[in-house]
Amino acid sequence: MCRRSLFVSLLLLGLWVLAWSETSRAEWYLAGQGGFQFPQDLADVRGTGNFSGVTSNDLDLNKQAAFGVKIGHLFNGKLRWLGLEFDFSHSDANIAEQSIRAGAPILGVTQQNGRTPGVGLSVNHMTVNLIARYPGSQVQPYLGVGGGLGLSRLRTAPQDETDVYPVFNVVVGVKMFVMQHVAFFTEYKHARAMVEFSDHHFEGDLRTNWFMGGLAYHF
């Protein structure tokens, strides 16, 4: 219930900030993006429900292609170095086939060795980021920080399972204008979240690295 409340709070905060920004003159942009996600391990894997207390080694995740869209709002005047951006990014971070060792603190610590098959895991991040930029006429380096919602689907037999969770990220990049209203950009994003799949009795810390590039139209 606490996590659900945090989701709602983040969404309301983002909507309120965007609504407030409508009252000032500003520049908007729309962008498409693509690239790759290089996930770190699914770390600190631990059991839930009847498997509480069970721990596992970190799980290796596969590198995958990624894509998404952005909608940005840049202020004018004294705040022309500041902006807000909604970012949607999608990729898979499939769990690789690998050896696994789990331990349960029952009468001490017992270890169980086994092997897990490859498992599909999709990652969708929807964040609102506060962006600070150098407002140059042709080249604009920028950095940002923000958060929002993540949605991941674990694709296993006999049924898939979906989890919605808060995600926090930082971004750094550079935008290069090739026309008055058209710019290319490239950026790096690092995101952190905790995912829980209660039907499959485990949770873990998901850390993802996104290397993206794209084209933005300013209007």
N, C-alpha and C. Protein backbone atom coordinates (compact mmCIF):
# COMPACT_ATOMS: atom_id res chain seq x y z
N MET A 1 0.83 -1.20 0.00
CA MET A 1 0.00 0.00 0.00
C MET A 1 0.87 1.26 0.00
N CYS A 2 1.96 1.24 0.73
CA CYS A 2 2.88 2.37 0.79
C CYS A 2 3.47 2.66 -0.58
N ARG A 3 3.84 1.60 -1.31
CA ARG A 3 4.41 1.78 -2.64
C ARG A 3 3.38 2.39 -3.58
N ARG A 4 2.11 1.95 -3.49
CA ARG A 4 1.06 2.51 -4.33
C ARG A 4 0.89 4.00 -4.06
N SER A 5 0.93 4.38 -2.80
CA SER A 5 0.79 5.79 -2.44
C SER A 5 1.94 6.61 -3.03
N LEU A 6 3.15 6.04 -3.02
CA LEU A 6 4.29 6.74 -3.59
C LEU A 6 4.11 6.92 -5.09
N PHE A 7 3.58 5.91 -5.77
CA PHE A 7 3.33 6.02 -7.21
C PHE A 7 2.40 7.21 -7.49
N VAL A 8 1.30 7.26 -6.76
CA VAL A 8 0.31 8.31 -6.96
C VAL A 8 0.92 9.68 -6.67
N SER A 9 1.70 9.77 -5.61
CA SER A 9 2.33 11.04 -5.23
C SER A 9 3.27 11.54 -6.32
N LEU A 10 4.06 10.62 -6.88
CA LEU A 10 4.99 11.00 -7.94
C LEU A 10 4.24 11.48 -9.18
N LEU A 11 3.18 10.80 -9.54
CA LEU A 11 2.40 11.20 -10.71
C LEU A 11 1.76 12.57 -10.50
N LEU A 12 1.16 12.77 -9.32
CA LEU A 12 0.52 14.05 -9.03
C LEU A 12 1.53 15.19 -9.01
N LEU A 13 2.71 14.92 -8.46
CA LEU A 13 3.76 15.94 -8.43
C LEU A 13 4.17 16.32 -9.84
N GLY A 14 4.38 15.32 -10.69
CA GLY A 14 4.78 15.59 -12.07
C GLY A 14 3.71 16.38 -12.81
N LEU A 15 2.44 16.01 -12.65
CA LEU A 15 1.35 16.72 -13.32
C LEU A 15 1.21 18.14 -12.80
N TRP A 16 1.39 18.32 -11.49
CA TRP A 16 1.30 19.67 -10.91
C TRP A 16 2.40 20.58 -11.44
N VAL A 17 3.63 20.05 -11.52
CA VAL A 17 4.75 20.87 -12.01
C VAL A 17 4.54 21.24 -13.47
N LEU A 18 4.08 20.28 -14.28
CA LEU A 18 3.84 20.57 -15.68
C LEU A 18 2.71 21.60 -15.85
N ALA A 19 1.65 21.47 -15.04
CA ALA A 19 0.56 22.42 -15.11
C ALA A 19 1.03 23.82 -14.70
N TRP A 20 1.84 23.90 -13.66
CA TRP A 20 2.37 25.20 -13.22
C TRP A 20 3.23 25.83 -14.29
N SER A 21 4.02 25.02 -14.99
CA SER A 21 4.93 25.56 -15.99
C SER A 21 4.18 26.11 -17.19
N GLU A 22 2.93 25.73 -17.38
CA GLU A 22 2.14 26.23 -18.50
C GLU A 22 1.93 27.74 -18.40
N THR A 23 2.03 28.28 -17.19
CA THR A 23 1.74 29.70 -17.00
C THR A 23 2.89 30.58 -17.47
N SER A 24 4.05 30.04 -17.78
CA SER A 24 5.18 30.85 -18.23
C SER A 24 5.48 30.56 -19.69
N ARG A 25 6.04 31.55 -20.37
CA ARG A 25 6.45 31.36 -21.76
C ARG A 25 7.61 30.37 -21.78
N ALA A 26 7.56 29.45 -22.72
CA ALA A 26 8.60 28.43 -22.74
C ALA A 26 8.68 27.80 -24.11
N GLU A 27 9.68 26.96 -24.26
CA GLU A 27 9.93 26.22 -25.50
C GLU A 27 9.65 24.75 -25.25
N TRP A 28 8.96 24.11 -26.18
CA TRP A 28 8.65 22.70 -26.07
C TRP A 28 9.43 21.90 -27.11
N TYR A 29 9.62 20.63 -26.85
CA TYR A 29 10.21 19.76 -27.86
C TYR A 29 9.65 18.34 -27.72
N LEU A 30 9.68 17.65 -28.83
CA LEU A 30 9.26 16.25 -28.92
C LEU A 30 10.41 15.47 -29.54
N ALA A 31 10.75 14.33 -28.97
CA ALA A 31 11.92 13.59 -29.44
C ALA A 31 11.65 12.10 -29.47
N GLY A 32 12.26 11.43 -30.44
CA GLY A 32 12.30 9.98 -30.47
C GLY A 32 13.71 9.52 -30.14
N GLN A 33 13.85 8.37 -29.48
CA GLN A 33 15.16 7.92 -29.05
C GLN A 33 15.30 6.41 -29.23
N GLY A 34 16.54 5.99 -29.42
CA GLY A 34 16.85 4.57 -29.54
C GLY A 34 18.28 4.33 -29.09
N GLY A 35 18.59 3.09 -28.77
CA GLY A 35 19.94 2.77 -28.32
C GLY A 35 19.99 1.39 -27.70
N PHE A 36 20.73 1.30 -26.60
CA PHE A 36 20.91 0.01 -25.93
C PHE A 36 20.81 0.18 -24.42
N GLN A 37 20.35 -0.86 -23.78
CA GLN A 37 20.35 -0.93 -22.32
C GLN A 37 21.39 -1.96 -21.90
N PHE A 38 22.26 -1.55 -21.00
CA PHE A 38 23.27 -2.43 -20.44
C PHE A 38 22.97 -2.61 -18.96
N PRO A 39 22.11 -3.57 -18.63
CA PRO A 39 21.73 -3.73 -17.22
C PRO A 39 22.85 -4.30 -16.38
N GLN A 40 22.91 -3.84 -15.15
CA GLN A 40 23.77 -4.50 -14.18
C GLN A 40 23.03 -5.73 -13.67
N ASP A 41 23.66 -6.51 -12.84
CA ASP A 41 23.00 -7.70 -12.31
C ASP A 41 21.73 -7.32 -11.54
N LEU A 42 20.77 -8.26 -11.51
CA LEU A 42 19.66 -8.16 -10.59
C LEU A 42 20.22 -8.54 -9.23
N ALA A 43 20.46 -7.53 -8.39
CA ALA A 43 21.26 -7.72 -7.18
C ALA A 43 20.39 -7.93 -5.95
N ASP A 44 21.01 -8.47 -4.92
CA ASP A 44 20.37 -8.66 -3.62
C ASP A 44 19.03 -9.40 -3.78
N VAL A 45 19.05 -10.50 -4.52
CA VAL A 45 17.84 -11.28 -4.76
C VAL A 45 17.44 -12.01 -3.48
N ARG A 46 16.17 -11.91 -3.11
CA ARG A 46 15.70 -12.51 -1.86
C ARG A 46 14.27 -13.01 -2.03
N GLY A 47 13.93 -14.02 -1.27
CA GLY A 47 12.61 -14.61 -1.35
C GLY A 47 11.56 -13.77 -0.67
N THR A 48 10.30 -13.95 -1.08
CA THR A 48 9.17 -13.27 -0.47
C THR A 48 8.11 -14.31 -0.09
N GLY A 49 7.14 -13.88 0.72
CA GLY A 49 6.06 -14.79 1.10
C GLY A 49 6.58 -15.99 1.87
N ASN A 50 6.20 -17.19 1.44
CA ASN A 50 6.63 -18.41 2.10
C ASN A 50 8.13 -18.65 1.97
N PHE A 51 8.78 -17.88 1.06
CA PHE A 51 10.22 -18.05 0.85
C PHE A 51 11.03 -16.91 1.48
N SER A 52 10.41 -16.15 2.37
CA SER A 52 11.13 -15.09 3.08
C SER A 52 12.31 -15.69 3.83
N GLY A 53 13.44 -15.02 3.75
CA GLY A 53 14.65 -15.53 4.39
C GLY A 53 15.56 -16.25 3.42
N VAL A 54 15.03 -16.65 2.24
CA VAL A 54 15.87 -17.28 1.22
C VAL A 54 16.60 -16.20 0.44
N THR A 55 17.89 -16.37 0.22
CA THR A 55 18.68 -15.43 -0.56
C THR A 55 19.34 -16.16 -1.72
N SER A 56 19.74 -15.40 -2.72
CA SER A 56 20.35 -15.97 -3.92
C SER A 56 21.51 -15.11 -4.36
N ASN A 57 22.39 -15.69 -5.15
CA ASN A 57 23.43 -14.90 -5.79
C ASN A 57 22.79 -13.93 -6.79
N ASP A 58 23.52 -12.88 -7.18
CA ASP A 58 23.02 -11.94 -8.17
C ASP A 58 22.76 -12.67 -9.49
N LEU A 59 21.76 -12.19 -10.24
CA LEU A 59 21.39 -12.81 -11.50
C LEU A 59 21.88 -11.95 -12.67
N ASP A 60 22.57 -12.57 -13.62
CA ASP A 60 23.05 -11.87 -14.81
C ASP A 60 21.89 -11.52 -15.72
N LEU A 61 21.90 -10.30 -16.27
CA LEU A 61 20.88 -9.83 -17.20
C LEU A 61 21.51 -9.57 -18.56
N ASN A 62 20.73 -9.77 -19.62
CA ASN A 62 21.24 -9.61 -20.98
C ASN A 62 21.19 -8.16 -21.43
N LYS A 63 22.13 -7.78 -22.29
CA LYS A 63 22.11 -6.48 -22.95
C LYS A 63 21.08 -6.52 -24.07
N GLN A 64 20.31 -5.41 -24.23
CA GLN A 64 19.21 -5.40 -25.19
C GLN A 64 19.10 -4.04 -25.87
N ALA A 65 18.49 -4.03 -27.07
CA ALA A 65 18.15 -2.78 -27.73
C ALA A 65 17.06 -2.06 -26.95
N ALA A 66 16.98 -0.73 -27.12
CA ALA A 66 16.02 0.08 -26.38
C ALA A 66 15.48 1.18 -27.28
N PHE A 67 14.28 1.68 -26.94
CA PHE A 67 13.69 2.79 -27.68
C PHE A 67 12.75 3.55 -26.76
N GLY A 68 12.32 4.74 -27.20
CA GLY A 68 11.41 5.53 -26.39
C GLY A 68 11.10 6.88 -26.99
N VAL A 69 10.40 7.71 -26.21
CA VAL A 69 10.03 9.06 -26.63
C VAL A 69 10.25 10.02 -25.46
N LYS A 70 10.38 11.31 -25.80
CA LYS A 70 10.51 12.36 -24.80
C LYS A 70 9.60 13.53 -25.16
N ILE A 71 9.09 14.20 -24.13
CA ILE A 71 8.39 15.47 -24.29
C ILE A 71 9.02 16.44 -23.30
N GLY A 72 9.56 17.54 -23.81
CA GLY A 72 10.29 18.46 -22.95
C GLY A 72 9.72 19.86 -22.95
N HIS A 73 9.98 20.58 -21.87
CA HIS A 73 9.49 21.94 -21.64
C HIS A 73 10.66 22.76 -21.09
N LEU A 74 11.14 23.74 -21.87
CA LEU A 74 12.29 24.56 -21.48
C LEU A 74 11.83 25.99 -21.20
N PHE A 75 12.27 26.53 -20.08
CA PHE A 75 11.87 27.87 -19.69
C PHE A 75 12.67 28.92 -20.45
N ASN A 76 12.12 30.15 -20.47
CA ASN A 76 12.79 31.30 -21.05
C ASN A 76 13.23 32.26 -19.95
N GLY A 77 13.84 33.36 -20.35
CA GLY A 77 14.24 34.38 -19.39
C GLY A 77 15.36 33.91 -18.47
N LYS A 78 15.26 34.28 -17.20
CA LYS A 78 16.31 33.94 -16.24
C LYS A 78 16.41 32.44 -15.99
N LEU A 79 15.35 31.70 -16.30
CA LEU A 79 15.36 30.25 -16.09
C LEU A 79 15.55 29.48 -17.39
N ARG A 80 16.15 30.12 -18.39
CA ARG A 80 16.31 29.46 -19.68
C ARG A 80 17.28 28.28 -19.63
N TRP A 81 18.01 28.14 -18.55
CA TRP A 81 18.92 27.00 -18.37
C TRP A 81 18.21 25.79 -17.75
N LEU A 82 16.92 25.96 -17.42
CA LEU A 82 16.18 24.94 -16.68
C LEU A 82 15.02 24.40 -17.52
N GLY A 83 14.73 23.11 -17.34
CA GLY A 83 13.61 22.53 -18.06
C GLY A 83 13.04 21.31 -17.34
N LEU A 84 11.90 20.85 -17.84
CA LEU A 84 11.26 19.63 -17.36
C LEU A 84 11.09 18.68 -18.55
N GLU A 85 11.23 17.39 -18.29
CA GLU A 85 11.15 16.43 -19.39
C GLU A 85 10.43 15.16 -18.93
N PHE A 86 9.46 14.73 -19.74
CA PHE A 86 8.86 13.42 -19.54
C PHE A 86 9.57 12.45 -20.46
N ASP A 87 10.02 11.33 -19.91
CA ASP A 87 10.80 10.34 -20.66
C ASP A 87 10.14 8.98 -20.53
N PHE A 88 9.87 8.36 -21.67
CA PHE A 88 9.44 6.96 -21.69
C PHE A 88 10.51 6.14 -22.40
N SER A 89 11.03 5.12 -21.75
CA SER A 89 12.05 4.24 -22.33
C SER A 89 11.63 2.79 -22.13
N HIS A 90 11.82 1.99 -23.18
CA HIS A 90 11.48 0.57 -23.13
C HIS A 90 12.65 -0.28 -23.59
N SER A 91 12.84 -1.41 -22.92
CA SER A 91 13.82 -2.40 -23.34
C SER A 91 13.48 -3.72 -22.66
N ASP A 92 14.16 -4.77 -23.10
CA ASP A 92 14.16 -6.03 -22.37
C ASP A 92 15.45 -6.12 -21.57
N ALA A 93 15.39 -6.77 -20.43
CA ALA A 93 16.57 -7.03 -19.61
C ALA A 93 16.52 -8.49 -19.21
N ASN A 94 16.42 -9.37 -20.21
CA ASN A 94 16.15 -10.78 -19.96
C ASN A 94 17.17 -11.41 -19.03
N ILE A 95 16.67 -12.27 -18.14
CA ILE A 95 17.54 -13.00 -17.22
C ILE A 95 18.21 -14.13 -18.00
N ALA A 96 19.53 -14.15 -18.02
CA ALA A 96 20.28 -15.13 -18.79
C ALA A 96 20.21 -16.51 -18.14
N GLU A 97 20.34 -17.55 -18.96
CA GLU A 97 20.48 -18.90 -18.41
C GLU A 97 21.78 -18.96 -17.62
N GLN A 98 21.73 -19.46 -16.39
CA GLN A 98 22.90 -19.39 -15.53
C GLN A 98 22.76 -20.31 -14.33
N SER A 99 23.88 -20.54 -13.68
CA SER A 99 23.88 -21.30 -12.43
C SER A 99 23.35 -20.40 -11.32
N ILE A 100 22.72 -21.00 -10.34
CA ILE A 100 22.16 -20.24 -9.23
C ILE A 100 22.43 -20.99 -7.93
N ARG A 101 22.70 -20.22 -6.90
CA ARG A 101 22.92 -20.79 -5.57
C ARG A 101 22.06 -20.02 -4.58
N ALA A 102 21.17 -20.73 -3.93
CA ALA A 102 20.26 -20.10 -2.97
C ALA A 102 20.54 -20.64 -1.58
N GLY A 103 20.37 -19.78 -0.61
CA GLY A 103 20.59 -20.18 0.77
C GLY A 103 19.41 -19.79 1.63
N ALA A 104 19.08 -20.63 2.61
CA ALA A 104 17.98 -20.33 3.52
C ALA A 104 18.47 -20.47 4.96
N PRO A 105 18.24 -19.45 5.79
CA PRO A 105 18.70 -19.51 7.18
C PRO A 105 17.80 -20.40 8.04
N ILE A 106 17.79 -21.69 7.74
CA ILE A 106 17.00 -22.66 8.49
C ILE A 106 17.97 -23.62 9.18
N LEU A 107 17.98 -23.58 10.51
CA LEU A 107 18.95 -24.37 11.29
C LEU A 107 20.37 -24.09 10.80
N GLY A 108 20.69 -22.81 10.75
CA GLY A 108 21.97 -22.41 10.19
C GLY A 108 21.73 -21.91 8.77
N VAL A 109 22.70 -22.10 7.89
CA VAL A 109 22.58 -21.67 6.50
C VAL A 109 22.77 -22.88 5.60
N THR A 110 21.79 -23.19 4.79
CA THR A 110 21.92 -24.28 3.83
C THR A 110 22.07 -23.69 2.43
N GLN A 111 22.82 -24.33 1.58
CA GLN A 111 23.05 -23.87 0.22
C GLN A 111 22.46 -24.88 -0.75
N GLN A 112 21.81 -24.38 -1.79
CA GLN A 112 21.24 -25.24 -2.81
C GLN A 112 21.70 -24.76 -4.17
N ASN A 113 22.40 -25.62 -4.91
CA ASN A 113 22.89 -25.28 -6.23
C ASN A 113 21.91 -25.75 -7.29
N GLY A 114 21.78 -24.98 -8.33
CA GLY A 114 20.89 -25.35 -9.42
C GLY A 114 21.19 -24.50 -10.64
N ARG A 115 20.27 -24.51 -11.59
CA ARG A 115 20.43 -23.75 -12.81
C ARG A 115 19.08 -23.19 -13.22
N THR A 116 19.06 -21.92 -13.59
CA THR A 116 17.82 -21.30 -14.03
C THR A 116 17.86 -21.13 -15.54
N PRO A 117 16.75 -21.38 -16.23
CA PRO A 117 16.72 -21.17 -17.68
C PRO A 117 16.65 -19.68 -18.00
N GLY A 118 16.84 -19.31 -19.26
CA GLY A 118 16.65 -17.93 -19.66
C GLY A 118 15.21 -17.51 -19.48
N VAL A 119 14.99 -16.34 -18.93
CA VAL A 119 13.64 -15.85 -18.62
C VAL A 119 13.49 -14.45 -19.19
N GLY A 120 12.37 -14.19 -19.89
CA GLY A 120 12.12 -12.86 -20.43
C GLY A 120 11.76 -11.87 -19.34
N LEU A 121 12.35 -10.67 -19.42
CA LEU A 121 12.05 -9.60 -18.46
C LEU A 121 12.04 -8.28 -19.21
N SER A 122 10.88 -7.65 -19.33
CA SER A 122 10.78 -6.35 -20.00
C SER A 122 10.89 -5.23 -18.98
N VAL A 123 11.40 -4.08 -19.42
CA VAL A 123 11.58 -2.92 -18.54
C VAL A 123 11.00 -1.69 -19.25
N ASN A 124 10.06 -1.01 -18.60
CA ASN A 124 9.48 0.24 -19.08
C ASN A 124 9.62 1.28 -17.99
N HIS A 125 10.26 2.41 -18.32
CA HIS A 125 10.42 3.49 -17.35
C HIS A 125 9.68 4.73 -17.85
N MET A 126 8.87 5.33 -16.99
CA MET A 126 8.15 6.56 -17.28
C MET A 126 8.52 7.56 -16.19
N THR A 127 9.39 8.52 -16.50
CA THR A 127 9.92 9.42 -15.49
C THR A 127 9.72 10.89 -15.88
N VAL A 128 9.67 11.73 -14.87
CA VAL A 128 9.71 13.19 -15.05
C VAL A 128 11.03 13.67 -14.48
N ASN A 129 11.83 14.32 -15.32
CA ASN A 129 13.18 14.73 -14.92
C ASN A 129 13.30 16.25 -14.92
N LEU A 130 13.99 16.77 -13.93
CA LEU A 130 14.37 18.18 -13.90
C LEU A 130 15.70 18.30 -14.64
N ILE A 131 15.73 19.11 -15.70
CA ILE A 131 16.89 19.20 -16.58
C ILE A 131 17.57 20.54 -16.42
N ALA A 132 18.89 20.53 -16.24
CA ALA A 132 19.71 21.74 -16.25
C ALA A 132 20.59 21.68 -17.49
N ARG A 133 20.59 22.75 -18.31
CA ARG A 133 21.31 22.74 -19.58
C ARG A 133 22.12 24.01 -19.76
N TYR A 134 23.12 23.94 -20.61
CA TYR A 134 23.80 25.15 -21.08
C TYR A 134 23.05 25.60 -22.33
N PRO A 135 22.39 26.77 -22.29
CA PRO A 135 21.51 27.17 -23.39
C PRO A 135 22.26 27.77 -24.58
N GLY A 136 23.19 27.01 -25.14
CA GLY A 136 23.91 27.48 -26.31
C GLY A 136 23.05 27.45 -27.56
N SER A 137 23.47 28.16 -28.59
CA SER A 137 22.68 28.25 -29.81
C SER A 137 22.79 26.97 -30.65
N GLN A 138 23.92 26.25 -30.56
CA GLN A 138 24.10 25.04 -31.36
C GLN A 138 24.38 23.80 -30.52
N VAL A 139 25.17 23.94 -29.46
CA VAL A 139 25.51 22.80 -28.61
C VAL A 139 25.00 23.06 -27.19
N GLN A 140 24.27 22.10 -26.65
CA GLN A 140 23.68 22.24 -25.32
C GLN A 140 23.94 21.00 -24.47
N PRO A 141 25.03 20.99 -23.69
CA PRO A 141 25.21 19.91 -22.71
C PRO A 141 24.13 20.02 -21.63
N TYR A 142 23.74 18.89 -21.05
CA TYR A 142 22.70 18.93 -20.02
C TYR A 142 22.86 17.76 -19.06
N LEU A 143 22.26 17.94 -17.90
CA LEU A 143 22.17 16.85 -16.92
C LEU A 143 20.84 16.97 -16.20
N GLY A 144 20.39 15.85 -15.65
CA GLY A 144 19.09 15.87 -15.01
C GLY A 144 18.95 14.79 -13.96
N VAL A 145 17.91 14.94 -13.16
CA VAL A 145 17.59 13.96 -12.12
C VAL A 145 16.08 13.90 -11.99
N GLY A 146 15.56 12.72 -11.71
CA GLY A 146 14.11 12.61 -11.58
C GLY A 146 13.67 11.22 -11.17
N GLY A 147 12.40 10.99 -11.31
CA GLY A 147 11.83 9.70 -10.92
C GLY A 147 10.44 9.54 -11.48
N GLY A 148 9.88 8.39 -11.25
CA GLY A 148 8.55 8.10 -11.75
C GLY A 148 8.19 6.65 -11.52
N LEU A 149 7.62 6.04 -12.54
CA LEU A 149 7.14 4.68 -12.44
C LEU A 149 7.90 3.76 -13.39
N GLY A 150 8.12 2.56 -12.93
CA GLY A 150 8.63 1.50 -13.77
C GLY A 150 7.61 0.39 -13.86
N LEU A 151 7.59 -0.30 -14.99
CA LEU A 151 6.70 -1.43 -15.18
C LEU A 151 7.50 -2.54 -15.85
N SER A 152 7.56 -3.68 -15.22
CA SER A 152 8.31 -4.82 -15.75
C SER A 152 7.41 -6.05 -15.82
N ARG A 153 7.62 -6.83 -16.86
CA ARG A 153 6.88 -8.09 -17.02
C ARG A 153 7.85 -9.25 -17.05
N LEU A 154 7.63 -10.20 -16.18
CA LEU A 154 8.41 -11.43 -16.13
C LEU A 154 7.66 -12.48 -16.95
N ARG A 155 8.30 -12.96 -18.01
CA ARG A 155 7.62 -13.87 -18.94
C ARG A 155 8.09 -15.30 -18.68
N THR A 156 7.28 -16.03 -17.91
CA THR A 156 7.60 -17.41 -17.57
C THR A 156 6.35 -18.27 -17.70
N ALA A 157 6.55 -19.57 -17.82
CA ALA A 157 5.43 -20.51 -17.79
C ALA A 157 5.10 -20.83 -16.33
N PRO A 158 3.83 -21.03 -15.97
CA PRO A 158 2.67 -21.09 -16.87
C PRO A 158 2.04 -19.74 -17.16
N GLN A 159 2.47 -18.66 -16.47
CA GLN A 159 1.86 -17.36 -16.71
C GLN A 159 2.86 -16.24 -16.45
N ASP A 160 2.64 -15.10 -17.15
CA ASP A 160 3.47 -13.92 -16.94
C ASP A 160 3.05 -13.22 -15.64
N GLU A 161 3.96 -12.37 -15.17
CA GLU A 161 3.65 -11.55 -13.99
C GLU A 161 4.19 -10.15 -14.21
N THR A 162 3.40 -9.15 -13.82
CA THR A 162 3.78 -7.75 -14.00
C THR A 162 3.93 -7.06 -12.65
N ASP A 163 4.94 -6.18 -12.55
CA ASP A 163 5.14 -5.41 -11.33
C ASP A 163 5.28 -3.94 -11.70
N VAL A 164 4.62 -3.07 -10.93
CA VAL A 164 4.75 -1.62 -11.06
C VAL A 164 5.48 -1.10 -9.83
N TYR A 165 6.45 -0.22 -10.01
CA TYR A 165 7.32 0.17 -8.91
C TYR A 165 7.88 1.57 -9.14
N PRO A 166 8.32 2.26 -8.08
CA PRO A 166 8.99 3.55 -8.25
C PRO A 166 10.39 3.36 -8.80
N VAL A 167 10.81 4.28 -9.65
CA VAL A 167 12.15 4.25 -10.23
C VAL A 167 12.75 5.65 -10.14
N PHE A 168 14.04 5.70 -9.89
CA PHE A 168 14.76 6.97 -9.79
C PHE A 168 15.94 6.93 -10.75
N ASN A 169 16.22 8.05 -11.43
CA ASN A 169 17.29 8.03 -12.41
C ASN A 169 18.03 9.37 -12.49
N VAL A 170 19.23 9.31 -13.06
CA VAL A 170 20.00 10.49 -13.41
C VAL A 170 20.32 10.39 -14.90
N VAL A 171 20.50 11.54 -15.54
CA VAL A 171 20.78 11.56 -16.97
C VAL A 171 21.81 12.64 -17.27
N VAL A 172 22.70 12.36 -18.22
CA VAL A 172 23.66 13.35 -18.69
C VAL A 172 23.78 13.19 -20.20
N GLY A 173 23.82 14.29 -20.93
CA GLY A 173 23.87 14.19 -22.38
C GLY A 173 24.26 15.50 -23.03
N VAL A 174 24.19 15.51 -24.35
CA VAL A 174 24.47 16.72 -25.12
C VAL A 174 23.55 16.75 -26.33
N LYS A 175 23.06 17.95 -26.64
CA LYS A 175 22.16 18.15 -27.78
C LYS A 175 22.86 19.06 -28.78
N MET A 176 22.79 18.71 -30.08
CA MET A 176 23.46 19.47 -31.13
C MET A 176 22.43 19.85 -32.20
N PHE A 177 22.22 21.15 -32.40
CA PHE A 177 21.25 21.64 -33.36
C PHE A 177 21.86 21.63 -34.77
N VAL A 178 21.14 21.03 -35.70
CA VAL A 178 21.56 21.01 -37.10
C VAL A 178 20.68 21.95 -37.93
N MET A 179 19.52 22.33 -37.40
CA MET A 179 18.64 23.33 -37.98
C MET A 179 18.05 24.13 -36.82
N GLN A 180 17.32 25.19 -37.12
CA GLN A 180 16.80 26.04 -36.05
C GLN A 180 15.92 25.26 -35.07
N HIS A 181 15.12 24.33 -35.59
CA HIS A 181 14.19 23.60 -34.73
C HIS A 181 14.51 22.11 -34.59
N VAL A 182 15.60 21.67 -35.16
CA VAL A 182 15.92 20.23 -35.19
C VAL A 182 17.29 20.00 -34.55
N ALA A 183 17.36 19.03 -33.66
CA ALA A 183 18.62 18.73 -32.97
C ALA A 183 18.79 17.23 -32.79
N PHE A 184 20.02 16.78 -32.91
CA PHE A 184 20.38 15.42 -32.52
C PHE A 184 20.85 15.46 -31.07
N PHE A 185 20.66 14.34 -30.36
CA PHE A 185 21.15 14.26 -28.98
C PHE A 185 21.65 12.86 -28.69
N THR A 186 22.55 12.79 -27.74
CA THR A 186 23.01 11.50 -27.21
C THR A 186 23.12 11.64 -25.70
N GLU A 187 22.78 10.56 -24.97
CA GLU A 187 22.77 10.67 -23.52
C GLU A 187 22.97 9.32 -22.85
N TYR A 188 23.32 9.39 -21.58
CA TYR A 188 23.45 8.22 -20.71
C TYR A 188 22.50 8.39 -19.54
N LYS A 189 21.75 7.33 -19.23
CA LYS A 189 20.84 7.35 -18.08
C LYS A 189 21.15 6.16 -17.18
N HIS A 190 21.15 6.41 -15.88
CA HIS A 190 21.31 5.34 -14.90
C HIS A 190 20.08 5.34 -14.02
N ALA A 191 19.41 4.19 -13.92
CA ALA A 191 18.17 4.09 -13.15
C ALA A 191 18.28 3.00 -12.10
N ARG A 192 17.58 3.21 -10.98
CA ARG A 192 17.56 2.23 -9.89
C ARG A 192 16.13 2.00 -9.43
N ALA A 193 15.84 0.75 -9.11
CA ALA A 193 14.51 0.39 -8.65
C ALA A 193 14.57 -0.94 -7.92
N MET A 194 13.51 -1.23 -7.17
CA MET A 194 13.34 -2.53 -6.55
C MET A 194 12.11 -3.18 -7.16
N VAL A 195 12.30 -4.36 -7.78
CA VAL A 195 11.18 -5.06 -8.40
C VAL A 195 10.81 -6.27 -7.54
N GLU A 196 9.51 -6.55 -7.51
CA GLU A 196 9.01 -7.68 -6.72
C GLU A 196 8.01 -8.48 -7.55
N PHE A 197 8.26 -9.77 -7.67
CA PHE A 197 7.34 -10.67 -8.36
C PHE A 197 6.83 -11.67 -7.33
N SER A 198 5.72 -11.29 -6.69
CA SER A 198 5.22 -12.06 -5.55
C SER A 198 4.73 -13.44 -5.98
N ASP A 199 4.18 -13.57 -7.19
CA ASP A 199 3.71 -14.89 -7.64
C ASP A 199 4.87 -15.86 -7.84
N HIS A 200 6.06 -15.30 -8.10
CA HIS A 200 7.25 -16.13 -8.28
C HIS A 200 8.16 -16.09 -7.05
N HIS A 201 7.67 -15.41 -5.98
CA HIS A 201 8.28 -15.48 -4.65
C HIS A 201 9.69 -14.91 -4.58
N PHE A 202 9.96 -13.79 -5.30
CA PHE A 202 11.27 -13.16 -5.13
C PHE A 202 11.19 -11.68 -5.48
N GLU A 203 12.19 -10.94 -4.99
CA GLU A 203 12.38 -9.54 -5.31
C GLU A 203 13.87 -9.27 -5.42
N GLY A 204 14.22 -8.14 -6.03
CA GLY A 204 15.62 -7.81 -6.20
C GLY A 204 15.80 -6.36 -6.63
N ASP A 205 17.03 -5.89 -6.57
CA ASP A 205 17.36 -4.52 -6.94
C ASP A 205 17.77 -4.48 -8.41
N LEU A 206 17.03 -3.70 -9.20
CA LEU A 206 17.25 -3.59 -10.64
C LEU A 206 17.97 -2.28 -10.94
N ARG A 207 19.16 -2.39 -11.50
CA ARG A 207 19.94 -1.20 -11.86
C ARG A 207 20.22 -1.27 -13.35
N THR A 208 19.84 -0.23 -14.09
CA THR A 208 19.96 -0.25 -15.54
C THR A 208 20.74 0.95 -16.04
N ASN A 209 21.52 0.73 -17.09
CA ASN A 209 22.28 1.77 -17.77
C ASN A 209 21.76 1.86 -19.20
N TRP A 210 21.31 3.05 -19.57
CA TRP A 210 20.75 3.28 -20.91
C TRP A 210 21.68 4.21 -21.69
N PHE A 211 22.11 3.79 -22.87
CA PHE A 211 22.88 4.63 -23.78
C PHE A 211 21.98 4.90 -24.99
N MET A 212 21.50 6.14 -25.09
CA MET A 212 20.47 6.47 -26.06
C MET A 212 20.90 7.65 -26.95
N GLY A 213 20.31 7.71 -28.12
CA GLY A 213 20.49 8.83 -29.02
C GLY A 213 19.19 9.04 -29.78
N GLY A 214 19.02 10.24 -30.36
CA GLY A 214 17.78 10.47 -31.07
C GLY A 214 17.72 11.82 -31.73
N LEU A 215 16.52 12.16 -32.17
CA LEU A 215 16.24 13.38 -32.89
C LEU A 215 15.12 14.13 -32.19
N ALA A 216 15.33 15.44 -31.95
CA ALA A 216 14.34 16.26 -31.26
C ALA A 216 13.88 17.40 -32.15
N TYR A 217 12.58 17.68 -32.11
CA TYR A 217 12.03 18.83 -32.80
C TYR A 217 11.52 19.83 -31.78
N HIS A 218 12.04 21.08 -31.86
CA HIS A 218 11.68 22.14 -30.93
C HIS A 218 10.64 23.07 -31.55
N PHE A 219 9.63 23.45 -30.76
CA PHE A 219 8.60 24.33 -31.28
C PHE A 219 8.08 25.28 -30.19
